[in-house]
Amino acid sequence: YLFDQKSKGWEFETIANPTRNWTIRFNYAYTDRTRTKVLLEGESWWAERVALWQNLDALYRTRTGRPSIFNQPLFNRNDAFVAMSVAQRVAESDRELAETRLQEEQGYGNRKHKANLWTRYMVTSGRLKGAALAGGWRFQSRNIAGIDLDKGEVLYGNPRSLFDAMIQYKAKGLFGWYADRTTVTYQLNVFNVSDDRTIFITKKAVQAASGTPYTVRGFREEPRNGAFTVRVAF
């Protein structure tokens, strides 16, 4: 898996404070990743193997007078013939190499656009003084999941869009003790608030017979989950 990789992009972040206790933060990043010279050594190695097999096949036909091995059924590792000729298996491997090269050159797995929006509001007076509420949105654009070699088209996965939330309370003292020199922060973070269980496609391929794209690999988004933490400053 040898290649040269080039990655370029940019990122910006802006922070706004509509009031002293209300903060809004927005971040956006764009990344374009491409690869060149993918598996060049693999191409030359494969060409040498095919040439070697062709020479051996010519020698076999000359000495035995029998038809080409390439037209005979493939004898697999389980010592059984399968419904595929040797020539078809060689062509399949040749296609796999071409697909891998073209797929990697498109930036396989790359999500070009990423954005985060987060807002936080803190109560500074009254009975809820020390409490804070926050929420955010995470977005990633669709990923490059494969290639249609015959059409020269890129196959895409799906975008990700998740929401998170946070509740925090800061108080003096640890269980009512040492209020003059101890601060305790209680915080609950909830990830994937909407409990999105989308199956995200990470790899696609194309059926040889029908030319229809299908999903090879994917993962389900983690369900809603939370984390409660307590921090003590003294």
C-alpha atoms as a PDB file:
ATOM      1  CA  TYR A   1       0.000   0.000   0.000  1.00  0.00           C
ATOM      2  CA  LEU A   2       2.472   2.599  -1.194  1.00  0.00           C
ATOM      3  CA  PHE A   3       1.375   6.054  -2.268  1.00  0.00           C
ATOM      4  CA  ASP A   4       2.057   9.776  -2.130  1.00  0.00           C
ATOM      5  CA  GLN A   5      -0.546  11.758  -0.235  1.00  0.00           C
ATOM      6  CA  LYS A   6      -1.530  15.393  -0.496  1.00  0.00           C
ATOM      7  CA  SER A   7      -3.916  17.004   1.962  1.00  0.00           C
ATOM      8  CA  LYS A   8      -5.093  20.583   1.818  1.00  0.00           C
ATOM      9  CA  GLY A   9      -7.840  22.529   3.478  1.00  0.00           C
ATOM     10  CA  TRP A  10      -8.688  25.301   5.861  1.00  0.00           C
ATOM     11  CA  GLU A  11     -10.491  25.853   9.130  1.00  0.00           C
ATOM     12  CA  PHE A  12     -12.046  28.747  10.971  1.00  0.00           C
ATOM     13  CA  GLU A  13     -13.700  29.267  14.318  1.00  0.00           C
ATOM     14  CA  THR A  14     -15.785  32.128  15.589  1.00  0.00           C
ATOM     15  CA  ILE A  15     -16.903  32.838  19.152  1.00  0.00           C
ATOM     16  CA  ALA A  16     -19.741  35.199  20.053  1.00  0.00           C
ATOM     17  CA  ASN A  17     -20.883  36.409  23.473  1.00  0.00           C
ATOM     18  CA  PRO A  18     -24.355  37.963  23.138  1.00  0.00           C
ATOM     19  CA  THR A  19     -24.292  38.511  26.921  1.00  0.00           C
ATOM     20  CA  ARG A  20     -21.688  38.076  29.634  1.00  0.00           C
ATOM     21  CA  ASN A  21     -23.033  34.631  30.542  1.00  0.00           C
ATOM     22  CA  TRP A  22     -24.017  33.343  27.079  1.00  0.00           C
ATOM     23  CA  THR A  23     -21.428  31.980  24.635  1.00  0.00           C
ATOM     24  CA  ILE A  24     -21.864  30.661  21.084  1.00  0.00           C
ATOM     25  CA  ARG A  25     -19.004  28.877  19.344  1.00  0.00           C
ATOM     26  CA  PHE A  26     -18.951  27.760  15.691  1.00  0.00           C
ATOM     27  CA  ASN A  27     -16.214  25.800  13.938  1.00  0.00           C
ATOM     28  CA  TYR A  28     -15.963  24.747  10.283  1.00  0.00           C
ATOM     29  CA  ALA A  29     -13.232  22.782   8.502  1.00  0.00           C
ATOM     30  CA  TYR A  30     -12.712  21.765   4.885  1.00  0.00           C
ATOM     31  CA  THR A  31     -10.247  19.018   3.947  1.00  0.00           C
ATOM     32  CA  ASP A  32      -9.428  17.678   0.493  1.00  0.00           C
ATOM     33  CA  ARG A  33      -7.184  14.618   0.593  1.00  0.00           C
ATOM     34  CA  THR A  34      -5.873  12.916  -2.536  1.00  0.00           C
ATOM     35  CA  ARG A  35      -3.315  10.211  -3.238  1.00  0.00           C
ATOM     36  CA  THR A  36      -1.073   9.674  -6.244  1.00  0.00           C
ATOM     37  CA  LYS A  37       1.331   6.936  -7.360  1.00  0.00           C
ATOM     38  CA  VAL A  38      -0.854   4.379  -5.583  1.00  0.00           C
ATOM     39  CA  LEU A  39       0.584   0.836  -5.686  1.00  0.00           C
ATOM     40  CA  LEU A  40       2.961   1.542  -8.570  1.00  0.00           C
ATOM     41  CA  GLU A  41       5.194  -1.295  -7.361  1.00  0.00           C
ATOM     42  CA  GLY A  42       2.118  -3.517  -7.194  1.00  0.00           C
ATOM     43  CA  GLU A  43       1.307  -2.771 -10.828  1.00  0.00           C
ATOM     44  CA  SER A  44       4.760  -3.774 -12.066  1.00  0.00           C
ATOM     45  CA  TRP A  45       4.813  -6.842  -9.800  1.00  0.00           C
ATOM     46  CA  TRP A  46       1.405  -7.939 -11.091  1.00  0.00           C
ATOM     47  CA  ALA A  47       2.419  -7.453 -14.723  1.00  0.00           C
ATOM     48  CA  GLU A  48       5.465  -9.683 -14.128  1.00  0.00           C
ATOM     49  CA  ARG A  49       3.283 -12.401 -12.590  1.00  0.00           C
ATOM     50  CA  VAL A  50       0.841 -12.386 -15.515  1.00  0.00           C
ATOM     51  CA  ALA A  51       3.714 -12.566 -18.008  1.00  0.00           C
ATOM     52  CA  LEU A  52       5.222 -15.487 -16.075  1.00  0.00           C
ATOM     53  CA  TRP A  53       1.913 -17.385 -16.078  1.00  0.00           C
ATOM     54  CA  GLN A  54       1.479 -16.792 -19.811  1.00  0.00           C
ATOM     55  CA  ASN A  55       4.986 -18.122 -20.536  1.00  0.00           C
ATOM     56  CA  LEU A  56       4.377 -21.188 -18.379  1.00  0.00           C
ATOM     57  CA  ASP A  57       1.037 -21.752 -20.100  1.00  0.00           C
ATOM     58  CA  ALA A  58       2.689 -21.566 -23.546  1.00  0.00           C
ATOM     59  CA  LEU A  59       5.300 -24.082 -22.395  1.00  0.00           C
ATOM     60  CA  TYR A  60       2.558 -26.367 -21.048  1.00  0.00           C
ATOM     61  CA  ARG A  61       0.613 -26.281 -24.330  1.00  0.00           C
ATOM     62  CA  THR A  62       3.759 -26.946 -26.375  1.00  0.00           C
ATOM     63  CA  ARG A  63       4.835 -29.948 -24.306  1.00  0.00           C
ATOM     64  CA  THR A  64       1.421 -31.548 -23.711  1.00  0.00           C
ATOM     65  CA  GLY A  65      -0.607 -30.447 -26.719  1.00  0.00           C
ATOM     66  CA  ARG A  66      -3.474 -29.677 -24.363  1.00  0.00           C
ATOM     67  CA  PRO A  67      -5.616 -26.480 -24.331  1.00  0.00           C
ATOM     68  CA  SER A  68      -4.581 -23.416 -22.424  1.00  0.00           C
ATOM     69  CA  ILE A  69      -4.732 -23.580 -18.642  1.00  0.00           C
ATOM     70  CA  PHE A  70      -6.322 -20.134 -18.692  1.00  0.00           C
ATOM     71  CA  ASN A  71      -9.501 -21.601 -20.199  1.00  0.00           C
ATOM     72  CA  GLN A  72      -9.828 -24.382 -17.625  1.00  0.00           C
ATOM     73  CA  PRO A  73     -11.745 -24.247 -14.302  1.00  0.00           C
ATOM     74  CA  LEU A  74      -9.962 -22.687 -11.361  1.00  0.00           C
ATOM     75  CA  PHE A  75      -8.541 -25.151  -8.844  1.00  0.00           C
ATOM     76  CA  ASN A  76      -8.877 -23.406  -5.486  1.00  0.00           C
ATOM     77  CA  ARG A  77      -7.057 -23.763  -2.155  1.00  0.00           C
ATOM     78  CA  ASN A  78      -9.591 -26.336  -0.975  1.00  0.00           C
ATOM     79  CA  ASP A  79      -8.535 -28.699  -3.788  1.00  0.00           C
ATOM     80  CA  ALA A  80     -11.809 -28.238  -5.655  1.00  0.00           C
ATOM     81  CA  PHE A  81     -12.804 -26.824  -9.023  1.00  0.00           C
ATOM     82  CA  VAL A  82     -15.045 -23.743  -8.959  1.00  0.00           C
ATOM     83  CA  ALA A  83     -17.376 -22.100 -11.481  1.00  0.00           C
ATOM     84  CA  MET A  84     -14.669 -19.728 -12.684  1.00  0.00           C
ATOM     85  CA  SER A  85     -11.884 -20.126 -15.188  1.00  0.00           C
ATOM     86  CA  VAL A  86      -8.257 -19.287 -14.486  1.00  0.00           C
ATOM     87  CA  ALA A  87      -8.501 -16.398 -16.951  1.00  0.00           C
ATOM     88  CA  GLN A  88     -11.543 -15.019 -15.120  1.00  0.00           C
ATOM     89  CA  ARG A  89      -9.702 -15.166 -11.795  1.00  0.00           C
ATOM     90  CA  VAL A  90      -6.703 -13.350 -13.259  1.00  0.00           C
ATOM     91  CA  ALA A  91      -9.017 -10.701 -14.729  1.00  0.00           C
ATOM     92  CA  GLU A  92     -10.756 -10.364 -11.345  1.00  0.00           C
ATOM     93  CA  SER A  93      -7.453  -9.703  -9.587  1.00  0.00           C
ATOM     94  CA  ASP A  94      -6.471  -7.221 -12.289  1.00  0.00           C
ATOM     95  CA  ARG A  95      -9.754  -5.391 -11.758  1.00  0.00           C
ATOM     96  CA  GLU A  96      -9.313  -5.379  -7.974  1.00  0.00           C
ATOM     97  CA  LEU A  97      -5.917  -3.722  -8.363  1.00  0.00           C
ATOM     98  CA  ALA A  98      -7.344  -1.074 -10.724  1.00  0.00           C
ATOM     99  CA  GLU A  99     -10.272  -0.390  -8.387  1.00  0.00           C
ATOM    100  CA  THR A 100      -7.989  -0.052  -5.374  1.00  0.00           C
ATOM    101  CA  ARG A 101      -5.760   2.417  -7.176  1.00  0.00           C
ATOM    102  CA  LEU A 102      -8.602   4.566  -8.477  1.00  0.00           C
ATOM    103  CA  GLN A 103     -10.466   4.433  -5.158  1.00  0.00           C
ATOM    104  CA  GLU A 104      -7.452   5.565  -3.136  1.00  0.00           C
ATOM    105  CA  GLU A 105      -6.739   8.359  -5.608  1.00  0.00           C
ATOM    106  CA  GLN A 106     -10.193   9.815  -4.882  1.00  0.00           C
ATOM    107  CA  GLY A 107      -9.437  10.159  -1.154  1.00  0.00           C
ATOM    108  CA  TYR A 108     -11.183   7.041   0.160  1.00  0.00           C
ATOM    109  CA  GLY A 109     -12.820   7.642   3.546  1.00  0.00           C
ATOM    110  CA  ASN A 110     -12.436  11.408   3.412  1.00  0.00           C
ATOM    111  CA  ARG A 111     -15.278  13.639   4.654  1.00  0.00           C
ATOM    112  CA  LYS A 112     -14.589  17.043   3.141  1.00  0.00           C
ATOM    113  CA  HIS A 113     -16.865  19.192   5.286  1.00  0.00           C
ATOM    114  CA  LYS A 114     -16.994  19.216   9.106  1.00  0.00           C
ATOM    115  CA  ALA A 115     -18.841  21.654  11.352  1.00  0.00           C
ATOM    116  CA  ASN A 116     -19.507  22.073  15.071  1.00  0.00           C
ATOM    117  CA  LEU A 117     -21.931  24.462  16.764  1.00  0.00           C
ATOM    118  CA  TRP A 118     -21.926  24.807  20.562  1.00  0.00           C
ATOM    119  CA  THR A 119     -23.729  27.189  22.879  1.00  0.00           C
ATOM    120  CA  ARG A 120     -23.496  27.581  26.657  1.00  0.00           C
ATOM    121  CA  TYR A 121     -25.533  29.666  29.091  1.00  0.00           C
ATOM    122  CA  MET A 122     -24.535  30.195  32.729  1.00  0.00           C
ATOM    123  CA  VAL A 123     -26.847  31.436  35.486  1.00  0.00           C
ATOM    124  CA  THR A 124     -25.061  34.125  37.496  1.00  0.00           C
ATOM    125  CA  SER A 125     -27.771  35.194  39.927  1.00  0.00           C
ATOM    126  CA  GLY A 126     -30.758  33.862  41.867  1.00  0.00           C
ATOM    127  CA  ARG A 127     -31.354  30.404  43.293  1.00  0.00           C
ATOM    128  CA  LEU A 128     -29.808  28.669  40.259  1.00  0.00           C
ATOM    129  CA  LYS A 129     -26.596  30.671  40.433  1.00  0.00           C
ATOM    130  CA  GLY A 130     -23.695  28.416  39.397  1.00  0.00           C
ATOM    131  CA  ALA A 131     -25.791  26.314  37.020  1.00  0.00           C
ATOM    132  CA  ALA A 132     -25.048  26.124  33.286  1.00  0.00           C
ATOM    133  CA  LEU A 133     -26.817  24.604  30.299  1.00  0.00           C
ATOM    134  CA  ALA A 134     -25.169  23.800  26.986  1.00  0.00           C
ATOM    135  CA  GLY A 135     -25.962  22.061  23.731  1.00  0.00           C
ATOM    136  CA  GLY A 136     -24.283  21.418  20.435  1.00  0.00           C
ATOM    137  CA  TRP A 137     -24.459  19.990  16.937  1.00  0.00           C
ATOM    138  CA  ARG A 138     -21.791  17.957  15.127  1.00  0.00           C
ATOM    139  CA  PHE A 139     -21.864  17.522  11.356  1.00  0.00           C
ATOM    140  CA  GLN A 140     -19.699  15.622   8.875  1.00  0.00           C
ATOM    141  CA  SER A 141     -20.461  15.462   5.160  1.00  0.00           C
ATOM    142  CA  ARG A 142     -20.802  12.196   3.235  1.00  0.00           C
ATOM    143  CA  ASN A 143     -17.643  10.116   2.900  1.00  0.00           C
ATOM    144  CA  ILE A 144     -16.021   8.618  -0.170  1.00  0.00           C
ATOM    145  CA  ALA A 145     -16.868   4.919   0.160  1.00  0.00           C
ATOM    146  CA  GLY A 146     -15.836   3.317  -3.124  1.00  0.00           C
ATOM    147  CA  ILE A 147     -15.586   3.582  -6.886  1.00  0.00           C
ATOM    148  CA  ASP A 148     -17.541   2.366  -9.907  1.00  0.00           C
ATOM    149  CA  LEU A 149     -14.649   1.426 -12.186  1.00  0.00           C
ATOM    150  CA  ASP A 150     -16.730   0.978 -15.362  1.00  0.00           C
ATOM    151  CA  LYS A 151     -18.468   4.355 -15.030  1.00  0.00           C
ATOM    152  CA  GLY A 152     -15.554   6.140 -13.402  1.00  0.00           C
ATOM    153  CA  GLU A 153     -17.889   7.388 -10.662  1.00  0.00           C
ATOM    154  CA  VAL A 154     -17.259   7.874  -6.964  1.00  0.00           C
ATOM    155  CA  LEU A 155     -19.550   6.002  -4.554  1.00  0.00           C
ATOM    156  CA  TYR A 156     -20.503   7.898  -1.396  1.00  0.00           C
ATOM    157  CA  GLY A 157     -21.582   6.948   2.104  1.00  0.00           C
ATOM    158  CA  ASN A 158     -23.926   9.109   4.182  1.00  0.00           C
ATOM    159  CA  PRO A 159     -23.400  12.268   6.264  1.00  0.00           C
ATOM    160  CA  ARG A 160     -23.371  12.349  10.073  1.00  0.00           C
ATOM    161  CA  SER A 161     -25.405  14.819  12.133  1.00  0.00           C
ATOM    162  CA  LEU A 162     -25.533  14.456  15.924  1.00  0.00           C
ATOM    163  CA  PHE A 163     -26.693  16.557  18.882  1.00  0.00           C
ATOM    164  CA  ASP A 164     -25.157  16.685  22.365  1.00  0.00           C
ATOM    165  CA  ALA A 165     -26.129  18.390  25.624  1.00  0.00           C
ATOM    166  CA  MET A 166     -24.554  19.338  28.950  1.00  0.00           C
ATOM    167  CA  ILE A 167     -25.805  20.322  32.417  1.00  0.00           C
ATOM    168  CA  GLN A 168     -23.385  21.744  34.958  1.00  0.00           C
ATOM    169  CA  TYR A 169     -23.613  23.034  38.505  1.00  0.00           C
ATOM    170  CA  LYS A 170     -20.798  24.674  40.420  1.00  0.00           C
ATOM    171  CA  ALA A 171     -21.065  25.101  44.216  1.00  0.00           C
ATOM    172  CA  LYS A 172     -18.911  26.090  47.163  1.00  0.00           C
ATOM    173  CA  GLY A 173     -17.871  23.417  49.615  1.00  0.00           C
ATOM    174  CA  LEU A 174     -17.681  19.642  49.532  1.00  0.00           C
ATOM    175  CA  PHE A 175     -20.953  18.307  50.939  1.00  0.00           C
ATOM    176  CA  GLY A 176     -21.246  21.497  52.954  1.00  0.00           C
ATOM    177  CA  TRP A 177     -17.665  21.399  54.264  1.00  0.00           C
ATOM    178  CA  TYR A 178     -14.766  23.720  53.504  1.00  0.00           C
ATOM    179  CA  ALA A 179     -16.992  26.198  51.706  1.00  0.00           C
ATOM    180  CA  ASP A 180     -14.391  28.900  52.100  1.00  0.00           C
ATOM    181  CA  ARG A 181     -11.672  27.132  50.103  1.00  0.00           C
ATOM    182  CA  THR A 182     -13.292  24.336  48.062  1.00  0.00           C
ATOM    183  CA  THR A 183     -15.304  24.454  44.808  1.00  0.00           C
ATOM    184  CA  VAL A 184     -17.142  21.429  43.448  1.00  0.00           C
ATOM    185  CA  THR A 185     -18.360  21.139  39.845  1.00  0.00           C
ATOM    186  CA  TYR A 186     -21.026  18.559  38.988  1.00  0.00           C
ATOM    187  CA  GLN A 187     -21.446  17.914  35.262  1.00  0.00           C
ATOM    188  CA  LEU A 188     -23.613  15.639  33.121  1.00  0.00           C
ATOM    189  CA  ASN A 189     -22.784  15.221  29.429  1.00  0.00           C
ATOM    190  CA  VAL A 190     -25.249  13.488  27.106  1.00  0.00           C
ATOM    191  CA  PHE A 191     -24.031  12.401  23.672  1.00  0.00           C
ATOM    192  CA  ASN A 192     -26.331  11.688  20.716  1.00  0.00           C
ATOM    193  CA  VAL A 193     -29.350  13.190  22.455  1.00  0.00           C
ATOM    194  CA  SER A 194     -31.762  12.165  19.700  1.00  0.00           C
ATOM    195  CA  ASP A 195     -30.546   8.542  19.919  1.00  0.00           C
ATOM    196  CA  ASP A 196     -29.759   8.453  16.198  1.00  0.00           C
ATOM    197  CA  ARG A 197     -29.066   4.811  15.198  1.00  0.00           C
ATOM    198  CA  THR A 198     -28.253   5.422  11.549  1.00  0.00           C
ATOM    199  CA  ILE A 199     -26.046   2.830   9.850  1.00  0.00           C
ATOM    200  CA  PHE A 200     -23.154   4.724   8.299  1.00  0.00           C
ATOM    201  CA  ILE A 201     -21.670   3.248   5.134  1.00  0.00           C
ATOM    202  CA  THR A 202     -17.869   3.124   5.099  1.00  0.00           C
ATOM    203  CA  LYS A 203     -17.287   0.966   2.014  1.00  0.00           C
ATOM    204  CA  LYS A 204     -19.234   0.283  -1.185  1.00  0.00           C
ATOM    205  CA  ALA A 205     -18.650  -1.935  -4.201  1.00  0.00           C
ATOM    206  CA  VAL A 206     -20.421  -2.746  -7.459  1.00  0.00           C
ATOM    207  CA  GLN A 207     -21.960  -6.109  -8.368  1.00  0.00           C
ATOM    208  CA  ALA A 208     -20.186  -7.471 -11.433  1.00  0.00           C
ATOM    209  CA  ALA A 209     -23.318  -8.941 -13.053  1.00  0.00           C
ATOM    210  CA  SER A 210     -25.847  -6.155 -12.548  1.00  0.00           C
ATOM    211  CA  GLY A 211     -23.566  -3.140 -12.049  1.00  0.00           C
ATOM    212  CA  THR A 212     -25.589  -2.217  -8.943  1.00  0.00           C
ATOM    213  CA  PRO A 213     -23.735  -0.637  -5.988  1.00  0.00           C
ATOM    214  CA  TYR A 214     -24.051  -2.402  -2.625  1.00  0.00           C
ATOM    215  CA  THR A 215     -22.749  -1.849   0.899  1.00  0.00           C
ATOM    216  CA  VAL A 216     -19.666  -3.828   1.910  1.00  0.00           C
ATOM    217  CA  ARG A 217     -19.035  -2.375   5.363  1.00  0.00           C
ATOM    218  CA  GLY A 218     -20.749   0.018   7.757  1.00  0.00           C
ATOM    219  CA  PHE A 219     -21.328   0.759  11.424  1.00  0.00           C
ATOM    220  CA  ARG A 220     -24.284   1.796  13.529  1.00  0.00           C
ATOM    221  CA  GLU A 221     -24.031   5.066  15.432  1.00  0.00           C
ATOM    222  CA  GLU A 222     -23.510   4.610  19.163  1.00  0.00           C
ATOM    223  CA  PRO A 223     -26.795   4.997  21.085  1.00  0.00           C
ATOM    224  CA  ARG A 224     -27.537   7.846  23.435  1.00  0.00           C
ATOM    225  CA  ASN A 225     -25.137   7.753  26.378  1.00  0.00           C
ATOM    226  CA  GLY A 226     -24.110   9.997  29.215  1.00  0.00           C
ATOM    227  CA  ALA A 227     -21.169  10.704  31.505  1.00  0.00           C
ATOM    228  CA  PHE A 228     -21.439  12.229  34.997  1.00  0.00           C
ATOM    229  CA  THR A 229     -18.307  13.798  36.476  1.00  0.00           C
ATOM    230  CA  VAL A 230     -17.449  15.571  39.716  1.00  0.00           C
ATOM    231  CA  ARG A 231     -14.450  17.894  39.932  1.00  0.00           C
ATOM    232  CA  VAL A 232     -13.126  19.291  43.191  1.00  0.00           C
ATOM    233  CA  ALA A 233     -10.882  22.377  43.316  1.00  0.00           C
ATOM    234  CA  PHE A 234      -9.208  23.238  46.608  1.00  0.00           C
END
